[in-house]
Amino acid sequence: MTDFAIIADGVHKRYRRVRALNGLDLRVPSGAVYGLLGPNGSGKTTAVRVLTTLLRCDTGRAVVAGFDVATSADRVRERIAVTGTADRVPRKRPATARTGRANPAGDPAALRFPRAPC
């Protein structure tokens, strides 16, 4: 049996007439690195907001770290960390801006975190 870090079953979210999520089904195994790719307006941000308890879905079910995001949001938040990229690297990078590699959020050594074993 595979242990899943994230499970989404039939997750729907609407903003008035706009369907932001139309039946998201997702399984991410524990320990996996997973990315959401798609064009603008495809629901990536909405999916992340639902899975991180920042937004409630209209229908469906989502479980993160073994806890339902709708009924155990506090437990989910205790077990995850989320950071966006909007504040990290500007679109038009001034000469003084740090690169993703030089940014402490993208470089554990800059924060003095121990390196993860391979």
N, C-alpha and C. Protein backbone atom coordinates (compact mmCIF):
# COMPACT_ATOMS: atom_id res chain seq x y z
N MET A 1 0.84 -1.19 0.00
CA MET A 1 0.00 0.00 0.00
C MET A 1 0.88 1.24 0.00
N THR A 2 0.59 2.18 -0.88
CA THR A 2 1.37 3.41 -0.98
C THR A 2 0.82 4.44 0.00
N ASP A 3 1.74 5.11 0.68
CA ASP A 3 1.37 6.17 1.60
C ASP A 3 1.37 7.48 0.82
N PHE A 4 0.27 8.20 0.83
CA PHE A 4 0.16 9.43 0.07
C PHE A 4 0.26 10.65 0.98
N ALA A 5 1.06 11.63 0.56
CA ALA A 5 1.17 12.90 1.28
C ALA A 5 -0.01 13.80 0.93
N ILE A 6 -0.49 13.69 -0.31
CA ILE A 6 -1.61 14.51 -0.78
C ILE A 6 -2.59 13.63 -1.54
N ILE A 7 -3.86 13.79 -1.21
CA ILE A 7 -4.94 13.11 -1.93
C ILE A 7 -6.01 14.15 -2.22
N ALA A 8 -6.43 14.25 -3.45
CA ALA A 8 -7.55 15.11 -3.82
C ALA A 8 -8.51 14.26 -4.65
N ASP A 9 -9.77 14.28 -4.27
CA ASP A 9 -10.80 13.52 -4.98
C ASP A 9 -11.94 14.45 -5.38
N GLY A 10 -12.05 14.70 -6.67
CA GLY A 10 -13.18 15.47 -7.20
C GLY A 10 -13.31 16.87 -6.63
N VAL A 11 -12.20 17.56 -6.45
CA VAL A 11 -12.23 18.89 -5.85
C VAL A 11 -12.70 19.92 -6.88
N HIS A 12 -13.74 20.66 -6.50
CA HIS A 12 -14.30 21.72 -7.34
C HIS A 12 -14.25 23.04 -6.59
N LYS A 13 -13.98 24.11 -7.33
CA LYS A 13 -14.05 25.46 -6.77
C LYS A 13 -14.49 26.41 -7.85
N ARG A 14 -15.49 27.21 -7.53
CA ARG A 14 -16.01 28.22 -8.46
C ARG A 14 -15.87 29.60 -7.85
N TYR A 15 -15.62 30.56 -8.71
CA TYR A 15 -15.71 31.97 -8.35
C TYR A 15 -16.80 32.55 -9.22
N ARG A 16 -17.99 32.65 -8.68
CA ARG A 16 -19.18 33.05 -9.43
C ARG A 16 -19.36 32.16 -10.65
N ARG A 17 -19.14 32.67 -11.86
CA ARG A 17 -19.34 31.87 -13.07
C ARG A 17 -18.08 31.14 -13.53
N VAL A 18 -16.96 31.42 -12.92
CA VAL A 18 -15.69 30.84 -13.36
C VAL A 18 -15.39 29.57 -12.56
N ARG A 19 -15.16 28.48 -13.28
CA ARG A 19 -14.74 27.22 -12.64
C ARG A 19 -13.22 27.24 -12.51
N ALA A 20 -12.74 27.43 -11.32
CA ALA A 20 -11.29 27.45 -11.11
C ALA A 20 -10.75 26.03 -11.01
N LEU A 21 -11.50 25.15 -10.38
CA LEU A 21 -11.16 23.72 -10.33
C LEU A 21 -12.39 22.94 -10.72
N ASN A 22 -12.22 22.01 -11.62
CA ASN A 22 -13.36 21.26 -12.12
C ASN A 22 -13.10 19.76 -11.96
N GLY A 23 -13.08 19.31 -10.72
CA GLY A 23 -12.91 17.88 -10.47
C GLY A 23 -11.45 17.46 -10.36
N LEU A 24 -10.66 18.18 -9.59
CA LEU A 24 -9.25 17.82 -9.41
C LEU A 24 -9.13 16.48 -8.69
N ASP A 25 -8.43 15.55 -9.32
CA ASP A 25 -8.08 14.26 -8.73
C ASP A 25 -6.57 14.17 -8.72
N LEU A 26 -5.99 13.90 -7.57
CA LEU A 26 -4.55 13.95 -7.44
C LEU A 26 -4.09 12.99 -6.34
N ARG A 27 -2.99 12.32 -6.59
CA ARG A 27 -2.32 11.46 -5.59
C ARG A 27 -0.83 11.77 -5.66
N VAL A 28 -0.27 12.21 -4.54
CA VAL A 28 1.17 12.47 -4.47
C VAL A 28 1.74 11.58 -3.37
N PRO A 29 2.60 10.64 -3.73
CA PRO A 29 3.18 9.74 -2.72
C PRO A 29 4.04 10.50 -1.71
N SER A 30 4.07 10.03 -0.49
CA SER A 30 4.94 10.63 0.52
C SER A 30 6.38 10.59 0.05
N GLY A 31 7.10 11.66 0.29
CA GLY A 31 8.51 11.74 -0.11
C GLY A 31 8.74 12.20 -1.53
N ALA A 32 7.68 12.37 -2.30
CA ALA A 32 7.82 12.79 -3.70
C ALA A 32 7.93 14.31 -3.79
N VAL A 33 8.61 14.76 -4.82
CA VAL A 33 8.62 16.17 -5.18
C VAL A 33 7.67 16.30 -6.36
N TYR A 34 6.71 17.20 -6.25
CA TYR A 34 5.65 17.28 -7.25
C TYR A 34 5.45 18.72 -7.65
N GLY A 35 5.27 18.98 -8.93
CA GLY A 35 5.01 20.33 -9.42
C GLY A 35 3.71 20.39 -10.17
N LEU A 36 3.04 21.51 -10.08
CA LEU A 36 1.82 21.75 -10.84
C LEU A 36 2.18 22.65 -12.02
N LEU A 37 1.99 22.16 -13.21
CA LEU A 37 2.30 22.92 -14.41
C LEU A 37 1.04 23.11 -15.24
N GLY A 38 0.92 24.26 -15.85
CA GLY A 38 -0.22 24.52 -16.72
C GLY A 38 -0.27 25.97 -17.09
N PRO A 39 -1.11 26.29 -18.07
CA PRO A 39 -1.21 27.68 -18.52
C PRO A 39 -1.90 28.55 -17.47
N ASN A 40 -1.79 29.86 -17.65
CA ASN A 40 -2.49 30.79 -16.77
C ASN A 40 -3.98 30.46 -16.76
N GLY A 41 -4.57 30.51 -15.58
CA GLY A 41 -6.00 30.25 -15.46
C GLY A 41 -6.38 28.79 -15.38
N SER A 42 -5.41 27.91 -15.27
CA SER A 42 -5.73 26.48 -15.26
C SER A 42 -6.04 25.94 -13.86
N GLY A 43 -5.91 26.76 -12.82
CA GLY A 43 -6.29 26.33 -11.48
C GLY A 43 -5.15 25.95 -10.56
N LYS A 44 -3.92 26.18 -10.97
CA LYS A 44 -2.77 25.80 -10.14
C LYS A 44 -2.79 26.50 -8.78
N THR A 45 -2.95 27.80 -8.78
CA THR A 45 -2.95 28.56 -7.53
C THR A 45 -4.14 28.19 -6.68
N THR A 46 -5.29 28.02 -7.28
CA THR A 46 -6.48 27.61 -6.52
C THR A 46 -6.26 26.25 -5.89
N ALA A 47 -5.67 25.32 -6.62
CA ALA A 47 -5.39 24.00 -6.06
C ALA A 47 -4.47 24.10 -4.85
N VAL A 48 -3.41 24.89 -4.98
CA VAL A 48 -2.47 25.05 -3.85
C VAL A 48 -3.18 25.70 -2.67
N ARG A 49 -4.01 26.69 -2.92
CA ARG A 49 -4.73 27.34 -1.82
C ARG A 49 -5.68 26.39 -1.11
N VAL A 50 -6.34 25.54 -1.87
CA VAL A 50 -7.22 24.54 -1.24
C VAL A 50 -6.38 23.54 -0.43
N LEU A 51 -5.30 23.04 -1.01
CA LEU A 51 -4.49 22.02 -0.34
C LEU A 51 -3.75 22.56 0.87
N THR A 52 -3.54 23.87 0.93
CA THR A 52 -2.85 24.46 2.08
C THR A 52 -3.82 25.11 3.06
N THR A 53 -5.09 24.85 2.91
CA THR A 53 -6.17 25.29 3.79
C THR A 53 -6.45 26.79 3.73
N LEU A 54 -5.95 27.47 2.74
CA LEU A 54 -6.20 28.90 2.62
C LEU A 54 -7.53 29.20 1.95
N LEU A 55 -8.12 28.19 1.33
CA LEU A 55 -9.37 28.34 0.59
C LEU A 55 -10.15 27.04 0.72
N ARG A 56 -11.45 27.15 0.93
CA ARG A 56 -12.29 25.96 1.01
C ARG A 56 -12.80 25.59 -0.38
N CYS A 57 -12.80 24.30 -0.66
CA CYS A 57 -13.36 23.86 -1.94
C CYS A 57 -14.88 23.81 -1.82
N ASP A 58 -15.55 23.86 -2.95
CA ASP A 58 -17.01 23.79 -2.97
C ASP A 58 -17.49 22.36 -2.78
N THR A 59 -16.87 21.44 -3.48
CA THR A 59 -17.20 20.02 -3.35
C THR A 59 -15.92 19.21 -3.50
N GLY A 60 -16.01 17.95 -3.13
CA GLY A 60 -14.86 17.07 -3.20
C GLY A 60 -14.17 16.97 -1.85
N ARG A 61 -13.05 16.27 -1.86
CA ARG A 61 -12.32 16.02 -0.61
C ARG A 61 -10.83 16.11 -0.89
N ALA A 62 -10.11 16.73 0.06
CA ALA A 62 -8.66 16.81 -0.03
C ALA A 62 -8.05 16.44 1.31
N VAL A 63 -7.01 15.62 1.26
CA VAL A 63 -6.32 15.18 2.46
C VAL A 63 -4.83 15.48 2.28
N VAL A 64 -4.24 16.12 3.27
CA VAL A 64 -2.81 16.45 3.24
C VAL A 64 -2.21 15.96 4.55
N ALA A 65 -1.12 15.21 4.45
CA ALA A 65 -0.43 14.67 5.62
C ALA A 65 -1.38 13.85 6.51
N GLY A 66 -2.35 13.21 5.87
CA GLY A 66 -3.27 12.35 6.59
C GLY A 66 -4.47 13.06 7.20
N PHE A 67 -4.61 14.36 6.98
CA PHE A 67 -5.70 15.12 7.57
C PHE A 67 -6.53 15.82 6.51
N ASP A 68 -7.84 15.80 6.69
CA ASP A 68 -8.76 16.46 5.78
C ASP A 68 -8.58 17.96 5.87
N VAL A 69 -8.38 18.63 4.74
CA VAL A 69 -8.11 20.07 4.76
C VAL A 69 -9.32 20.88 5.23
N ALA A 70 -10.53 20.34 5.09
CA ALA A 70 -11.73 21.07 5.50
C ALA A 70 -12.02 20.91 6.99
N THR A 71 -11.79 19.72 7.52
CA THR A 71 -12.17 19.46 8.92
C THR A 71 -11.00 19.51 9.89
N SER A 72 -9.79 19.44 9.40
CA SER A 72 -8.60 19.44 10.28
C SER A 72 -7.54 20.40 9.76
N ALA A 73 -7.97 21.60 9.41
CA ALA A 73 -7.04 22.58 8.83
C ALA A 73 -5.86 22.88 9.75
N ASP A 74 -6.11 22.98 11.04
CA ASP A 74 -5.02 23.27 11.98
C ASP A 74 -3.97 22.17 11.96
N ARG A 75 -4.41 20.93 11.90
CA ARG A 75 -3.47 19.80 11.85
C ARG A 75 -2.65 19.81 10.56
N VAL A 76 -3.30 20.15 9.45
CA VAL A 76 -2.58 20.24 8.17
C VAL A 76 -1.52 21.33 8.28
N ARG A 77 -1.89 22.49 8.79
CA ARG A 77 -0.95 23.62 8.87
C ARG A 77 0.23 23.33 9.79
N GLU A 78 0.03 22.49 10.80
CA GLU A 78 1.14 22.11 11.68
C GLU A 78 2.18 21.27 10.96
N ARG A 79 1.80 20.64 9.85
CA ARG A 79 2.66 19.68 9.18
C ARG A 79 3.24 20.13 7.85
N ILE A 80 2.81 21.29 7.36
CA ILE A 80 3.30 21.75 6.06
C ILE A 80 3.95 23.11 6.18
N ALA A 81 4.68 23.47 5.15
CA ALA A 81 5.24 24.81 5.01
C ALA A 81 5.07 25.22 3.56
N VAL A 82 4.66 26.45 3.34
CA VAL A 82 4.42 26.93 1.99
C VAL A 82 5.09 28.28 1.82
N THR A 83 5.74 28.44 0.71
CA THR A 83 6.29 29.75 0.36
C THR A 83 6.02 30.00 -1.11
N GLY A 84 5.68 31.21 -1.41
CA GLY A 84 5.43 31.58 -2.80
C GLY A 84 6.71 32.11 -3.43
N THR A 85 6.66 32.32 -4.72
CA THR A 85 7.82 32.84 -5.42
C THR A 85 7.68 34.31 -5.76
N ALA A 86 6.50 34.87 -5.63
CA ALA A 86 6.26 36.25 -6.06
C ALA A 86 7.16 37.25 -5.34
N ASP A 87 7.44 37.04 -4.09
CA ASP A 87 8.24 37.99 -3.33
C ASP A 87 9.73 37.67 -3.34
N ARG A 88 10.13 36.60 -3.98
CA ARG A 88 11.51 36.16 -3.91
C ARG A 88 12.40 36.74 -5.00
N VAL A 89 12.00 36.62 -6.22
CA VAL A 89 12.82 37.10 -7.33
C VAL A 89 11.94 37.97 -8.22
N PRO A 90 12.26 39.25 -8.35
CA PRO A 90 11.42 40.12 -9.18
C PRO A 90 11.47 39.72 -10.65
N ARG A 91 10.40 40.01 -11.39
CA ARG A 91 10.35 39.68 -12.82
C ARG A 91 11.47 40.39 -13.57
N LYS A 92 11.62 41.66 -13.33
CA LYS A 92 12.73 42.42 -13.93
C LYS A 92 13.78 42.54 -12.84
N ARG A 93 14.77 41.72 -12.95
CA ARG A 93 15.76 41.59 -11.89
C ARG A 93 16.77 42.72 -11.91
N PRO A 94 16.72 43.60 -10.87
CA PRO A 94 17.76 44.62 -10.80
C PRO A 94 19.11 43.97 -10.51
N ALA A 95 20.18 44.70 -10.79
CA ALA A 95 21.53 44.16 -10.61
C ALA A 95 21.78 43.72 -9.18
N THR A 96 21.08 44.32 -8.22
CA THR A 96 21.31 43.98 -6.81
C THR A 96 20.43 42.83 -6.33
N ALA A 97 19.49 42.37 -7.14
CA ALA A 97 18.59 41.29 -6.73
C ALA A 97 19.34 39.98 -6.62
N ARG A 98 18.92 39.16 -5.67
CA ARG A 98 19.53 37.86 -5.50
C ARG A 98 18.89 36.87 -6.47
N THR A 99 19.65 35.92 -6.90
CA THR A 99 19.11 34.87 -7.75
C THR A 99 18.39 33.87 -6.85
N GLY A 100 17.67 32.96 -7.46
CA GLY A 100 17.00 31.92 -6.68
C GLY A 100 17.99 31.12 -5.86
N ARG A 101 19.16 30.83 -6.43
CA ARG A 101 20.17 30.06 -5.71
C ARG A 101 20.75 30.86 -4.54
N ALA A 102 20.90 32.18 -4.72
CA ALA A 102 21.50 33.01 -3.68
C ALA A 102 20.47 33.43 -2.63
N ASN A 103 19.21 33.27 -2.93
CA ASN A 103 18.17 33.65 -2.00
C ASN A 103 18.14 32.65 -0.84
N PRO A 104 18.11 33.12 0.41
CA PRO A 104 18.09 32.19 1.54
C PRO A 104 16.95 31.18 1.49
N ALA A 105 15.80 31.57 0.93
CA ALA A 105 14.69 30.62 0.86
C ALA A 105 15.01 29.47 -0.08
N GLY A 106 15.91 29.70 -1.05
CA GLY A 106 16.25 28.65 -2.00
C GLY A 106 17.58 27.99 -1.70
N ASP A 107 18.25 28.41 -0.63
CA ASP A 107 19.57 27.88 -0.30
C ASP A 107 19.63 27.55 1.18
N PRO A 108 19.43 26.29 1.56
CA PRO A 108 19.45 25.91 2.97
C PRO A 108 20.74 26.32 3.68
N ALA A 109 21.87 26.35 2.97
CA ALA A 109 23.14 26.73 3.60
C ALA A 109 23.09 28.18 4.07
N ALA A 110 22.37 29.02 3.34
CA ALA A 110 22.26 30.43 3.74
C ALA A 110 21.49 30.58 5.03
N LEU A 111 20.62 29.63 5.33
CA LEU A 111 19.85 29.65 6.57
C LEU A 111 20.47 28.77 7.64
N ARG A 112 21.61 28.15 7.30
CA ARG A 112 22.33 27.25 8.19
C ARG A 112 21.53 25.99 8.55
N PHE A 113 20.73 25.52 7.60
CA PHE A 113 20.05 24.25 7.77
C PHE A 113 21.00 23.14 7.38
N PRO A 114 20.98 22.00 8.08
CA PRO A 114 21.84 20.90 7.65
C PRO A 114 21.37 20.37 6.31
N ARG A 115 22.31 19.92 5.53
CA ARG A 115 22.00 19.35 4.23
C ARG A 115 21.31 18.01 4.41
N ALA A 116 20.27 17.78 3.65
CA ALA A 116 19.52 16.52 3.74
C ALA A 116 20.36 15.40 3.17
N PRO A 117 20.32 14.23 3.79
CA PRO A 117 21.09 13.09 3.24
C PRO A 117 20.45 12.62 1.95
N CYS A 118 21.28 12.12 1.02
CA CYS A 118 20.77 11.63 -0.27
C CYS A 118 20.36 10.19 -0.17
